[in-house]
N, C-alpha and C. Protein backbone atom coordinates (compact mmCIF):
# COMPACT_ATOMS: atom_id res chain seq x y z
N UNK A 1 150.19 57.46 136.86
CA UNK A 1 149.75 57.31 135.48
C UNK A 1 150.51 58.28 134.58
N UNK A 2 150.56 57.93 133.30
CA UNK A 2 151.15 58.80 132.29
C UNK A 2 150.16 58.97 131.15
N UNK A 3 150.00 60.21 130.71
CA UNK A 3 149.20 60.48 129.53
C UNK A 3 150.13 60.91 128.41
N UNK A 4 150.17 60.11 127.36
CA UNK A 4 150.94 60.47 126.18
C UNK A 4 150.06 61.36 125.32
N UNK A 5 150.55 62.56 125.00
CA UNK A 5 149.73 63.57 124.35
C UNK A 5 150.54 64.33 123.31
N UNK A 6 149.82 65.10 122.51
CA UNK A 6 150.45 66.05 121.60
C UNK A 6 149.60 67.32 121.65
N UNK A 7 150.21 68.48 121.81
CA UNK A 7 149.43 69.71 121.91
C UNK A 7 148.52 69.92 120.70
N UNK A 8 147.26 70.27 120.97
CA UNK A 8 146.31 70.51 119.90
C UNK A 8 145.63 69.27 119.36
N UNK A 9 146.10 68.11 119.77
CA UNK A 9 145.54 66.85 119.26
C UNK A 9 144.32 66.41 120.09
N UNK A 10 143.81 65.24 119.76
CA UNK A 10 142.62 64.73 120.44
C UNK A 10 142.95 64.13 121.81
N UNK A 11 144.18 64.28 122.24
CA UNK A 11 144.53 63.87 123.61
C UNK A 11 144.08 64.91 124.62
N UNK A 12 143.56 66.05 124.14
CA UNK A 12 143.14 67.11 125.06
C UNK A 12 141.99 66.64 125.95
N UNK A 13 141.02 65.91 125.37
CA UNK A 13 139.85 65.59 126.21
C UNK A 13 140.15 64.61 127.34
N UNK A 14 140.97 63.57 127.18
CA UNK A 14 141.34 62.78 128.37
C UNK A 14 142.22 63.56 129.34
N UNK A 15 143.01 64.51 128.81
CA UNK A 15 143.80 65.38 129.67
C UNK A 15 142.85 66.21 130.56
N UNK A 16 141.81 66.75 129.96
CA UNK A 16 140.80 67.49 130.73
C UNK A 16 140.15 66.58 131.76
N UNK A 17 139.81 65.35 131.35
CA UNK A 17 139.14 64.41 132.26
C UNK A 17 140.02 64.11 133.48
N UNK A 18 141.32 63.91 133.25
CA UNK A 18 142.23 63.63 134.37
C UNK A 18 142.24 64.79 135.37
N UNK A 19 142.26 66.00 134.86
CA UNK A 19 142.29 67.17 135.75
C UNK A 19 140.93 67.37 136.44
N UNK A 20 139.84 67.13 135.71
CA UNK A 20 138.52 67.24 136.32
C UNK A 20 138.35 66.21 137.44
N UNK A 21 138.93 65.03 137.24
CA UNK A 21 138.81 63.96 138.25
C UNK A 21 139.77 64.17 139.41
N UNK A 22 140.74 65.04 139.24
CA UNK A 22 141.72 65.28 140.31
C UNK A 22 142.70 64.14 140.49
N UNK A 23 142.95 63.38 139.42
CA UNK A 23 143.88 62.26 139.50
C UNK A 23 145.31 62.73 139.26
N UNK A 24 146.26 62.02 139.85
CA UNK A 24 147.67 62.33 139.69
C UNK A 24 148.19 61.66 138.40
N UNK A 25 148.90 62.42 137.59
CA UNK A 25 149.42 61.86 136.33
C UNK A 25 150.59 62.71 135.84
N UNK A 26 151.38 62.11 134.96
CA UNK A 26 152.46 62.82 134.28
C UNK A 26 152.10 62.95 132.81
N UNK A 27 152.50 64.05 132.21
CA UNK A 27 152.32 64.27 130.78
C UNK A 27 153.59 63.89 130.04
N UNK A 28 153.43 63.12 128.96
CA UNK A 28 154.57 62.76 128.11
C UNK A 28 154.23 63.22 126.69
N UNK A 29 154.98 64.19 126.23
CA UNK A 29 154.69 64.75 124.90
C UNK A 29 155.18 63.82 123.79
N UNK A 30 154.39 63.74 122.73
CA UNK A 30 154.72 62.89 121.58
C UNK A 30 154.80 63.76 120.33
N UNK A 31 155.84 63.58 119.55
CA UNK A 31 155.94 64.19 118.23
C UNK A 31 155.26 63.24 117.25
N UNK A 32 154.09 63.60 116.78
CA UNK A 32 153.30 62.68 115.95
C UNK A 32 153.86 62.51 114.55
N UNK A 33 154.66 63.45 114.10
CA UNK A 33 155.27 63.28 112.77
C UNK A 33 156.42 62.29 112.82
N UNK A 34 157.24 62.42 113.85
CA UNK A 34 158.38 61.52 114.00
C UNK A 34 158.03 60.25 114.77
N UNK A 35 156.87 60.25 115.42
CA UNK A 35 156.45 59.14 116.28
C UNK A 35 157.50 58.84 117.35
N UNK A 36 157.94 59.94 117.97
CA UNK A 36 158.92 59.85 119.04
C UNK A 36 158.38 60.57 120.27
N UNK A 37 158.74 60.05 121.46
CA UNK A 37 158.42 60.76 122.69
C UNK A 37 159.46 61.86 122.89
N UNK A 38 159.21 62.72 123.85
CA UNK A 38 160.10 63.87 124.05
C UNK A 38 161.53 63.45 124.34
N UNK A 39 161.70 62.28 124.99
CA UNK A 39 163.06 61.81 125.29
C UNK A 39 163.66 60.98 124.17
N UNK A 40 162.98 60.95 123.01
CA UNK A 40 163.52 60.25 121.84
C UNK A 40 163.08 58.81 121.70
N UNK A 41 162.21 58.34 122.60
CA UNK A 41 161.74 56.96 122.52
C UNK A 41 160.81 56.72 121.35
N UNK A 42 160.73 55.49 120.92
CA UNK A 42 159.88 55.09 119.80
C UNK A 42 158.43 54.98 120.29
N UNK A 43 157.57 55.87 119.81
CA UNK A 43 156.19 55.87 120.29
C UNK A 43 155.43 54.62 119.83
N UNK A 44 155.81 54.07 118.69
CA UNK A 44 155.15 52.84 118.22
C UNK A 44 155.35 51.69 119.21
N UNK A 45 156.43 51.74 119.97
CA UNK A 45 156.67 50.71 120.98
C UNK A 45 155.71 50.86 122.16
N UNK A 46 155.17 52.05 122.32
CA UNK A 46 154.21 52.32 123.39
C UNK A 46 152.79 52.09 122.90
N UNK A 47 152.49 52.62 121.73
CA UNK A 47 151.18 52.45 121.11
C UNK A 47 151.38 52.12 119.64
N UNK A 48 151.20 50.85 119.25
CA UNK A 48 151.42 50.45 117.86
C UNK A 48 150.52 51.18 116.87
N UNK A 49 149.43 51.78 117.35
CA UNK A 49 148.55 52.55 116.46
C UNK A 49 149.21 53.85 116.02
N UNK A 50 150.16 54.33 116.82
CA UNK A 50 150.93 55.50 116.43
C UNK A 50 150.31 56.85 116.74
N UNK A 51 149.10 56.86 117.27
CA UNK A 51 148.48 58.15 117.57
C UNK A 51 148.21 58.28 119.05
N UNK A 52 147.90 59.51 119.45
CA UNK A 52 147.55 59.79 120.84
C UNK A 52 146.02 59.85 120.94
N UNK A 53 145.50 59.68 122.17
CA UNK A 53 146.18 59.51 123.44
C UNK A 53 146.49 58.05 123.77
N UNK A 54 147.45 57.88 124.66
CA UNK A 54 147.65 56.61 125.36
C UNK A 54 147.73 56.94 126.85
N UNK A 55 147.03 56.16 127.64
CA UNK A 55 147.11 56.31 129.10
C UNK A 55 147.82 55.08 129.64
N UNK A 56 148.95 55.31 130.30
CA UNK A 56 149.71 54.22 130.92
C UNK A 56 149.42 54.22 132.42
N UNK A 57 148.92 53.09 132.91
CA UNK A 57 148.58 52.97 134.31
C UNK A 57 149.84 52.68 135.13
N UNK A 58 149.71 52.77 136.43
CA UNK A 58 150.87 52.60 137.30
C UNK A 58 151.48 51.21 137.20
N UNK A 59 150.68 50.21 136.81
CA UNK A 59 151.21 48.85 136.67
C UNK A 59 151.75 48.57 135.27
N UNK A 60 151.78 49.61 134.41
CA UNK A 60 152.32 49.45 133.07
C UNK A 60 151.27 49.12 132.01
N UNK A 61 150.05 48.80 132.44
CA UNK A 61 148.97 48.57 131.49
C UNK A 61 148.70 49.84 130.71
N UNK A 62 148.42 49.69 129.41
CA UNK A 62 148.15 50.87 128.58
C UNK A 62 146.77 50.79 127.95
N UNK A 63 146.10 51.91 127.94
CA UNK A 63 144.79 52.05 127.30
C UNK A 63 144.93 53.05 126.16
N UNK A 64 144.27 52.75 125.05
CA UNK A 64 144.21 53.68 123.93
C UNK A 64 142.74 53.95 123.61
N UNK A 65 142.51 54.85 122.69
CA UNK A 65 141.18 55.32 122.27
C UNK A 65 140.60 56.26 123.32
N UNK A 66 140.51 57.52 122.95
CA UNK A 66 140.13 58.56 123.88
C UNK A 66 138.82 58.34 124.60
N UNK A 67 137.80 57.86 123.90
CA UNK A 67 136.49 57.68 124.53
C UNK A 67 136.53 56.60 125.61
N UNK A 68 137.38 55.60 125.42
CA UNK A 68 137.55 54.54 126.42
C UNK A 68 138.35 55.07 127.60
N UNK A 69 139.41 55.81 127.31
CA UNK A 69 140.22 56.41 128.37
C UNK A 69 139.36 57.34 129.23
N UNK A 70 138.52 58.13 128.58
CA UNK A 70 137.64 59.04 129.31
C UNK A 70 136.79 58.28 130.34
N UNK A 71 136.21 57.17 129.91
CA UNK A 71 135.33 56.42 130.81
C UNK A 71 136.12 55.74 131.92
N UNK A 72 137.31 55.29 131.59
CA UNK A 72 138.17 54.70 132.63
C UNK A 72 138.45 55.74 133.71
N UNK A 73 138.83 56.94 133.28
CA UNK A 73 139.13 58.01 134.24
C UNK A 73 137.90 58.33 135.08
N UNK A 74 136.75 58.46 134.44
CA UNK A 74 135.51 58.77 135.16
C UNK A 74 135.18 57.70 136.19
N UNK A 75 135.42 56.45 135.83
CA UNK A 75 135.10 55.35 136.75
C UNK A 75 136.10 55.25 137.89
N UNK A 76 137.30 55.78 137.69
CA UNK A 76 138.28 55.81 138.79
C UNK A 76 137.84 56.77 139.89
N UNK A 77 137.11 57.82 139.50
CA UNK A 77 136.66 58.83 140.46
C UNK A 77 135.17 59.10 140.25
N UNK A 78 134.31 58.12 140.63
CA UNK A 78 132.88 58.30 140.38
C UNK A 78 132.29 59.53 141.04
N UNK A 79 132.90 59.97 142.15
CA UNK A 79 132.38 61.15 142.83
C UNK A 79 132.55 62.42 142.00
N UNK A 80 133.39 62.37 140.96
CA UNK A 80 133.57 63.52 140.08
C UNK A 80 132.37 63.70 139.14
N UNK A 81 131.54 62.67 139.04
CA UNK A 81 130.33 62.70 138.20
C UNK A 81 130.65 63.00 136.73
N UNK A 82 131.84 62.57 136.29
CA UNK A 82 132.20 62.74 134.88
C UNK A 82 131.49 61.75 133.98
N UNK A 83 130.93 60.70 134.57
CA UNK A 83 130.13 59.72 133.84
C UNK A 83 129.05 59.19 134.77
N UNK A 84 127.84 58.98 134.27
CA UNK A 84 126.80 58.37 135.09
C UNK A 84 127.18 56.93 135.45
N UNK A 85 126.57 56.36 136.46
CA UNK A 85 126.89 54.98 136.87
C UNK A 85 126.67 53.98 135.74
N UNK A 86 127.54 52.97 135.69
CA UNK A 86 127.42 51.91 134.68
C UNK A 86 126.07 51.21 134.82
N UNK A 87 125.49 50.86 133.68
CA UNK A 87 124.23 50.14 133.67
C UNK A 87 122.99 51.01 133.66
N UNK A 88 123.17 52.32 133.85
CA UNK A 88 122.02 53.21 133.82
C UNK A 88 121.78 53.71 132.40
N UNK A 89 120.56 54.15 132.11
CA UNK A 89 120.27 54.71 130.80
C UNK A 89 121.11 55.96 130.55
N UNK A 90 121.38 56.71 131.62
CA UNK A 90 122.21 57.91 131.47
C UNK A 90 123.61 57.55 131.00
N UNK A 91 124.14 56.40 131.47
CA UNK A 91 125.48 55.97 131.03
C UNK A 91 125.44 55.62 129.54
N UNK A 92 124.37 54.98 129.11
CA UNK A 92 124.27 54.66 127.69
C UNK A 92 124.14 55.91 126.84
N UNK A 93 123.50 56.94 127.39
CA UNK A 93 123.41 58.21 126.68
C UNK A 93 124.81 58.82 126.54
N UNK A 94 125.60 58.72 127.59
CA UNK A 94 126.99 59.19 127.52
C UNK A 94 127.75 58.44 126.44
N UNK A 95 127.63 57.12 126.42
CA UNK A 95 128.32 56.32 125.42
C UNK A 95 127.83 56.63 124.01
N UNK A 96 126.55 56.94 123.91
CA UNK A 96 125.98 57.34 122.63
C UNK A 96 126.68 58.59 122.11
N UNK A 97 126.85 59.58 123.00
CA UNK A 97 127.53 60.81 122.60
C UNK A 97 129.00 60.56 122.29
N UNK A 98 129.68 59.80 123.13
CA UNK A 98 131.10 59.53 122.89
C UNK A 98 131.30 58.83 121.55
N UNK A 99 130.46 57.87 121.24
CA UNK A 99 130.58 57.17 119.96
C UNK A 99 130.27 58.10 118.79
N UNK A 100 129.27 58.94 118.94
CA UNK A 100 128.91 59.88 117.87
C UNK A 100 130.05 60.86 117.61
N UNK A 101 130.60 61.41 118.69
CA UNK A 101 131.69 62.37 118.52
C UNK A 101 132.91 61.70 117.88
N UNK A 102 133.22 60.49 118.35
CA UNK A 102 134.40 59.78 117.82
C UNK A 102 134.23 59.39 116.35
N UNK A 103 133.08 58.77 116.05
CA UNK A 103 132.90 58.19 114.71
C UNK A 103 132.43 59.20 113.67
N UNK A 104 131.62 60.17 114.08
CA UNK A 104 131.01 61.07 113.12
C UNK A 104 131.67 62.45 113.06
N UNK A 105 132.04 62.99 114.21
CA UNK A 105 132.64 64.33 114.23
C UNK A 105 134.16 64.24 114.07
N UNK A 106 134.79 63.54 114.99
CA UNK A 106 136.25 63.43 115.00
C UNK A 106 136.80 62.96 113.65
N UNK A 107 136.30 61.86 113.15
CA UNK A 107 136.85 61.28 111.92
C UNK A 107 136.60 62.18 110.71
N UNK A 108 135.57 63.00 110.77
CA UNK A 108 135.27 63.88 109.63
C UNK A 108 136.31 64.98 109.46
N UNK A 109 137.07 65.25 110.51
CA UNK A 109 138.11 66.27 110.42
C UNK A 109 139.36 65.78 109.67
N UNK A 110 139.51 64.48 109.52
CA UNK A 110 140.72 63.92 108.93
C UNK A 110 141.17 64.60 107.65
N UNK A 111 140.29 64.75 106.64
CA UNK A 111 140.73 65.37 105.38
C UNK A 111 141.23 66.81 105.55
N UNK A 112 140.74 67.50 106.57
CA UNK A 112 141.12 68.90 106.76
C UNK A 112 142.53 69.04 107.30
N UNK A 113 143.05 67.99 107.92
CA UNK A 113 144.41 68.03 108.45
C UNK A 113 145.44 67.45 107.47
N UNK A 114 144.96 66.97 106.34
CA UNK A 114 145.85 66.37 105.34
C UNK A 114 146.16 67.40 104.25
N UNK A 115 147.41 67.85 104.14
CA UNK A 115 147.74 68.87 103.13
C UNK A 115 147.47 68.42 101.70
N UNK A 116 147.40 67.12 101.48
CA UNK A 116 147.19 66.61 100.12
C UNK A 116 145.72 66.57 99.72
N UNK A 117 144.83 66.86 100.65
CA UNK A 117 143.40 66.82 100.34
C UNK A 117 143.03 67.96 99.40
N UNK A 118 142.39 67.65 98.26
CA UNK A 118 141.96 68.71 97.33
C UNK A 118 140.94 69.63 97.98
N UNK A 119 140.87 70.86 97.48
CA UNK A 119 139.98 71.86 98.07
C UNK A 119 138.51 71.43 98.05
N UNK A 120 138.10 70.77 96.98
CA UNK A 120 136.68 70.37 96.91
C UNK A 120 136.37 69.30 97.95
N UNK A 121 137.33 68.42 98.23
CA UNK A 121 137.13 67.39 99.25
C UNK A 121 137.11 68.03 100.64
N UNK A 122 137.91 69.07 100.83
CA UNK A 122 137.90 69.78 102.12
C UNK A 122 136.55 70.47 102.32
N UNK A 123 136.02 71.03 101.25
CA UNK A 123 134.71 71.69 101.35
C UNK A 123 133.63 70.68 101.72
N UNK A 124 133.71 69.49 101.13
CA UNK A 124 132.74 68.43 101.46
C UNK A 124 132.88 68.00 102.91
N UNK A 125 134.12 67.91 103.39
CA UNK A 125 134.34 67.52 104.77
C UNK A 125 133.76 68.56 105.72
N UNK A 126 133.95 69.83 105.40
CA UNK A 126 133.39 70.90 106.24
C UNK A 126 131.86 70.84 106.26
N UNK A 127 131.28 70.51 105.14
CA UNK A 127 129.82 70.38 105.07
C UNK A 127 129.34 69.23 105.95
N UNK A 128 130.06 68.11 105.92
CA UNK A 128 129.71 66.96 106.76
C UNK A 128 129.82 67.32 108.24
N UNK A 129 130.92 67.99 108.58
CA UNK A 129 131.11 68.40 109.97
C UNK A 129 129.98 69.32 110.41
N UNK A 130 129.60 70.23 109.54
CA UNK A 130 128.52 71.15 109.86
C UNK A 130 127.23 70.44 110.20
N UNK A 131 126.91 69.41 109.45
CA UNK A 131 125.68 68.65 109.71
C UNK A 131 125.75 67.93 111.07
N UNK A 132 126.94 67.48 111.44
CA UNK A 132 127.10 66.83 112.75
C UNK A 132 126.99 67.86 113.87
N UNK A 133 127.55 69.04 113.63
CA UNK A 133 127.46 70.09 114.64
C UNK A 133 126.03 70.59 114.80
N UNK A 134 125.25 70.51 113.72
CA UNK A 134 123.82 70.84 113.82
C UNK A 134 123.15 69.98 114.89
N UNK A 135 123.52 68.71 114.93
CA UNK A 135 122.92 67.78 115.90
C UNK A 135 123.29 68.18 117.32
N UNK A 136 124.56 68.51 117.54
CA UNK A 136 125.00 68.93 118.87
C UNK A 136 124.34 70.24 119.26
N UNK A 137 124.19 71.15 118.30
CA UNK A 137 123.54 72.43 118.58
C UNK A 137 122.11 72.22 119.09
N UNK A 138 121.38 71.35 118.42
CA UNK A 138 119.99 71.08 118.85
C UNK A 138 119.96 70.41 120.21
N UNK A 139 120.94 69.55 120.48
CA UNK A 139 120.96 68.83 121.76
C UNK A 139 121.21 69.77 122.94
N UNK A 140 121.84 70.90 122.68
CA UNK A 140 122.17 71.84 123.76
C UNK A 140 121.04 72.82 124.04
N UNK A 141 119.93 72.68 123.36
CA UNK A 141 118.77 73.54 123.61
C UNK A 141 118.30 73.38 125.05
N UNK A 142 118.33 74.46 125.81
CA UNK A 142 117.82 74.45 127.17
C UNK A 142 118.68 73.72 128.18
N UNK A 143 119.94 73.43 127.83
CA UNK A 143 120.82 72.75 128.79
C UNK A 143 122.24 73.27 128.65
N UNK A 144 123.00 73.14 129.71
CA UNK A 144 124.38 73.64 129.71
C UNK A 144 125.36 72.66 129.07
N UNK A 145 125.08 71.36 129.25
CA UNK A 145 125.98 70.32 128.75
C UNK A 145 125.18 69.25 128.02
N UNK A 146 125.88 68.33 127.38
CA UNK A 146 125.20 67.34 126.56
C UNK A 146 124.23 66.47 127.34
N UNK A 147 124.54 66.17 128.61
CA UNK A 147 123.67 65.32 129.40
C UNK A 147 122.76 66.11 130.34
N UNK A 148 122.83 67.42 130.27
CA UNK A 148 122.00 68.23 131.16
C UNK A 148 122.80 69.35 131.79
N UNK A 149 122.82 69.40 133.12
CA UNK A 149 123.52 70.47 133.82
C UNK A 149 124.82 70.01 134.46
N UNK A 150 125.19 68.75 134.25
CA UNK A 150 126.43 68.22 134.82
C UNK A 150 127.45 67.96 133.72
N UNK A 151 128.64 68.52 133.88
CA UNK A 151 129.73 68.32 132.91
C UNK A 151 130.14 66.85 132.91
N UNK A 152 130.29 66.28 131.73
CA UNK A 152 130.72 64.89 131.59
C UNK A 152 131.91 64.81 130.65
N UNK A 153 132.49 63.61 130.55
CA UNK A 153 133.62 63.42 129.64
C UNK A 153 133.22 63.66 128.18
N UNK A 154 131.95 63.49 127.85
CA UNK A 154 131.50 63.77 126.49
C UNK A 154 131.64 65.25 126.16
N UNK A 155 131.44 66.09 127.16
CA UNK A 155 131.58 67.53 126.95
C UNK A 155 133.03 67.91 126.68
N UNK A 156 133.96 67.25 127.38
CA UNK A 156 135.37 67.49 127.12
C UNK A 156 135.74 67.12 125.70
N UNK A 157 135.19 66.01 125.23
CA UNK A 157 135.47 65.55 123.86
C UNK A 157 134.88 66.53 122.84
N UNK A 158 133.64 66.95 123.05
CA UNK A 158 133.02 67.89 122.12
C UNK A 158 133.79 69.22 122.11
N UNK A 159 134.21 69.67 123.26
CA UNK A 159 135.01 70.90 123.35
C UNK A 159 136.30 70.76 122.53
N UNK A 160 136.95 69.63 122.63
CA UNK A 160 138.17 69.34 121.87
C UNK A 160 137.89 69.51 120.37
N UNK A 161 136.77 68.98 119.92
CA UNK A 161 136.42 69.07 118.50
C UNK A 161 136.06 70.50 118.08
N UNK A 162 135.40 71.24 118.94
CA UNK A 162 135.07 72.62 118.61
C UNK A 162 136.35 73.44 118.46
N UNK A 163 137.35 73.14 119.29
CA UNK A 163 138.63 73.84 119.13
C UNK A 163 139.25 73.56 117.77
N UNK A 164 139.01 72.39 117.23
CA UNK A 164 139.55 72.07 115.91
C UNK A 164 138.94 72.93 114.81
N UNK A 165 137.74 73.45 115.03
CA UNK A 165 137.15 74.33 114.01
C UNK A 165 138.03 75.57 113.82
N UNK A 166 138.69 76.01 114.90
CA UNK A 166 139.57 77.18 114.81
C UNK A 166 140.76 76.88 113.90
N UNK A 167 141.29 75.65 114.00
CA UNK A 167 142.48 75.28 113.24
C UNK A 167 142.16 74.99 111.77
N UNK A 168 140.90 74.73 111.46
CA UNK A 168 140.54 74.27 110.11
C UNK A 168 139.67 75.26 109.35
N UNK A 169 139.49 76.44 109.91
CA UNK A 169 138.76 77.49 109.18
C UNK A 169 137.27 77.29 109.10
N UNK A 170 136.70 76.64 110.09
CA UNK A 170 135.24 76.47 110.12
C UNK A 170 134.65 77.57 111.00
N UNK A 171 133.78 78.37 110.41
CA UNK A 171 133.13 79.46 111.13
C UNK A 171 132.01 78.87 112.00
N UNK A 172 132.07 79.07 113.31
CA UNK A 172 131.07 78.48 114.20
C UNK A 172 129.88 79.40 114.47
N UNK A 173 129.80 80.55 113.78
CA UNK A 173 128.68 81.46 114.03
C UNK A 173 127.30 80.84 113.77
N UNK A 174 127.17 79.84 112.87
CA UNK A 174 125.85 79.23 112.70
C UNK A 174 125.37 78.43 113.92
N UNK A 175 126.27 78.23 114.90
CA UNK A 175 125.93 77.40 116.06
C UNK A 175 126.16 78.19 117.36
N UNK A 176 125.29 79.15 117.66
CA UNK A 176 125.49 79.99 118.84
C UNK A 176 125.49 79.21 120.16
N UNK A 177 124.70 78.14 120.23
CA UNK A 177 124.69 77.35 121.46
C UNK A 177 126.02 76.63 121.65
N UNK A 178 126.60 76.16 120.56
CA UNK A 178 127.92 75.53 120.64
C UNK A 178 128.99 76.55 121.02
N UNK A 179 128.87 77.77 120.51
CA UNK A 179 129.82 78.81 120.88
C UNK A 179 129.73 79.11 122.37
N UNK A 180 128.50 79.21 122.88
CA UNK A 180 128.31 79.48 124.31
C UNK A 180 128.82 78.30 125.15
N UNK A 181 128.57 77.09 124.64
CA UNK A 181 129.04 75.88 125.32
C UNK A 181 130.57 75.89 125.41
N UNK A 182 131.23 76.19 124.30
CA UNK A 182 132.70 76.20 124.27
C UNK A 182 133.25 77.24 125.24
N UNK A 183 132.63 78.39 125.30
CA UNK A 183 133.07 79.43 126.22
C UNK A 183 132.89 78.97 127.67
N UNK A 184 131.74 78.34 127.94
CA UNK A 184 131.45 77.85 129.29
C UNK A 184 132.48 76.79 129.71
N UNK A 185 132.78 75.87 128.82
CA UNK A 185 133.74 74.81 129.13
C UNK A 185 135.14 75.39 129.31
N UNK A 186 135.49 76.35 128.46
CA UNK A 186 136.85 76.93 128.52
C UNK A 186 137.12 77.65 129.83
N UNK A 187 136.06 78.02 130.54
CA UNK A 187 136.22 78.75 131.80
C UNK A 187 136.35 77.82 133.01
N UNK A 188 136.20 76.52 132.80
CA UNK A 188 136.35 75.58 133.90
C UNK A 188 137.83 75.52 134.31
N UNK A 189 138.12 75.54 135.60
CA UNK A 189 139.53 75.55 136.05
C UNK A 189 140.36 74.39 135.50
N UNK A 190 139.78 73.19 135.45
CA UNK A 190 140.53 72.03 134.95
C UNK A 190 140.86 72.19 133.47
N UNK A 191 139.94 72.77 132.72
CA UNK A 191 140.16 72.98 131.29
C UNK A 191 141.25 74.03 131.08
N UNK A 192 141.17 75.12 131.84
CA UNK A 192 142.22 76.14 131.76
C UNK A 192 143.59 75.54 132.07
N UNK A 193 143.64 74.71 133.11
CA UNK A 193 144.91 74.10 133.51
C UNK A 193 145.45 73.19 132.43
N UNK A 194 144.58 72.41 131.79
CA UNK A 194 145.01 71.50 130.72
C UNK A 194 145.55 72.29 129.54
N UNK A 195 144.84 73.34 129.14
CA UNK A 195 145.28 74.14 128.00
C UNK A 195 146.61 74.84 128.29
N UNK A 196 146.76 75.34 129.51
CA UNK A 196 148.00 76.01 129.88
C UNK A 196 149.18 75.03 129.91
N UNK A 197 148.94 73.83 130.42
CA UNK A 197 150.00 72.82 130.48
C UNK A 197 150.44 72.41 129.08
N UNK A 198 149.48 72.28 128.17
CA UNK A 198 149.84 71.88 126.81
C UNK A 198 150.57 73.01 126.08
N UNK A 199 150.13 74.23 126.33
CA UNK A 199 150.81 75.38 125.72
C UNK A 199 152.23 75.49 126.23
N UNK A 200 152.42 75.25 127.52
CA UNK A 200 153.76 75.35 128.11
C UNK A 200 154.72 74.29 127.57
N UNK A 201 154.15 73.17 127.07
CA UNK A 201 155.00 72.08 126.58
C UNK A 201 155.45 72.33 125.14
N UNK A 202 154.82 73.31 124.49
CA UNK A 202 155.11 73.55 123.07
C UNK A 202 156.49 74.18 122.86
């Protein structure tokens, strides 16, 4: 398999999932401004959407959208317990979190990464993100991870988003449980390996 990624982007959480699952894969770095792969290839020819992540399977099939890639990876290695079994209420809870993070948290960061966004619009975006993080903070009451005591792909995605607060000037001190969660996740060997691999590619 190949994971098309860009350091610091939202391709981090499927990268973490691949390492947590112990699957074999190659990393292919993408320049998102030029939409070129490291060897100069046209990334639009790989993913017409133009953004990362893309997971290319051994047969050439390609999957896009991080939350879908996460679940594919988890289902490839069910013994990793990165996702509850399909059809269970726990699996729907996982999908609930993945959809919430993708639609409500992830997308809310968009204005903060756009240099043309006016300051007042950035302030509004930060306020929206804060309200979403309030929800995650409450959900972590009395538990280590979003679904309980077992790390799931939703935790990798949330961790990815918390890292974005560092890049966008959002102070996370109002969310001590999220801070503790991020520290806990960052200490996982697979997460350390993913971060080191992405740093080395820079």
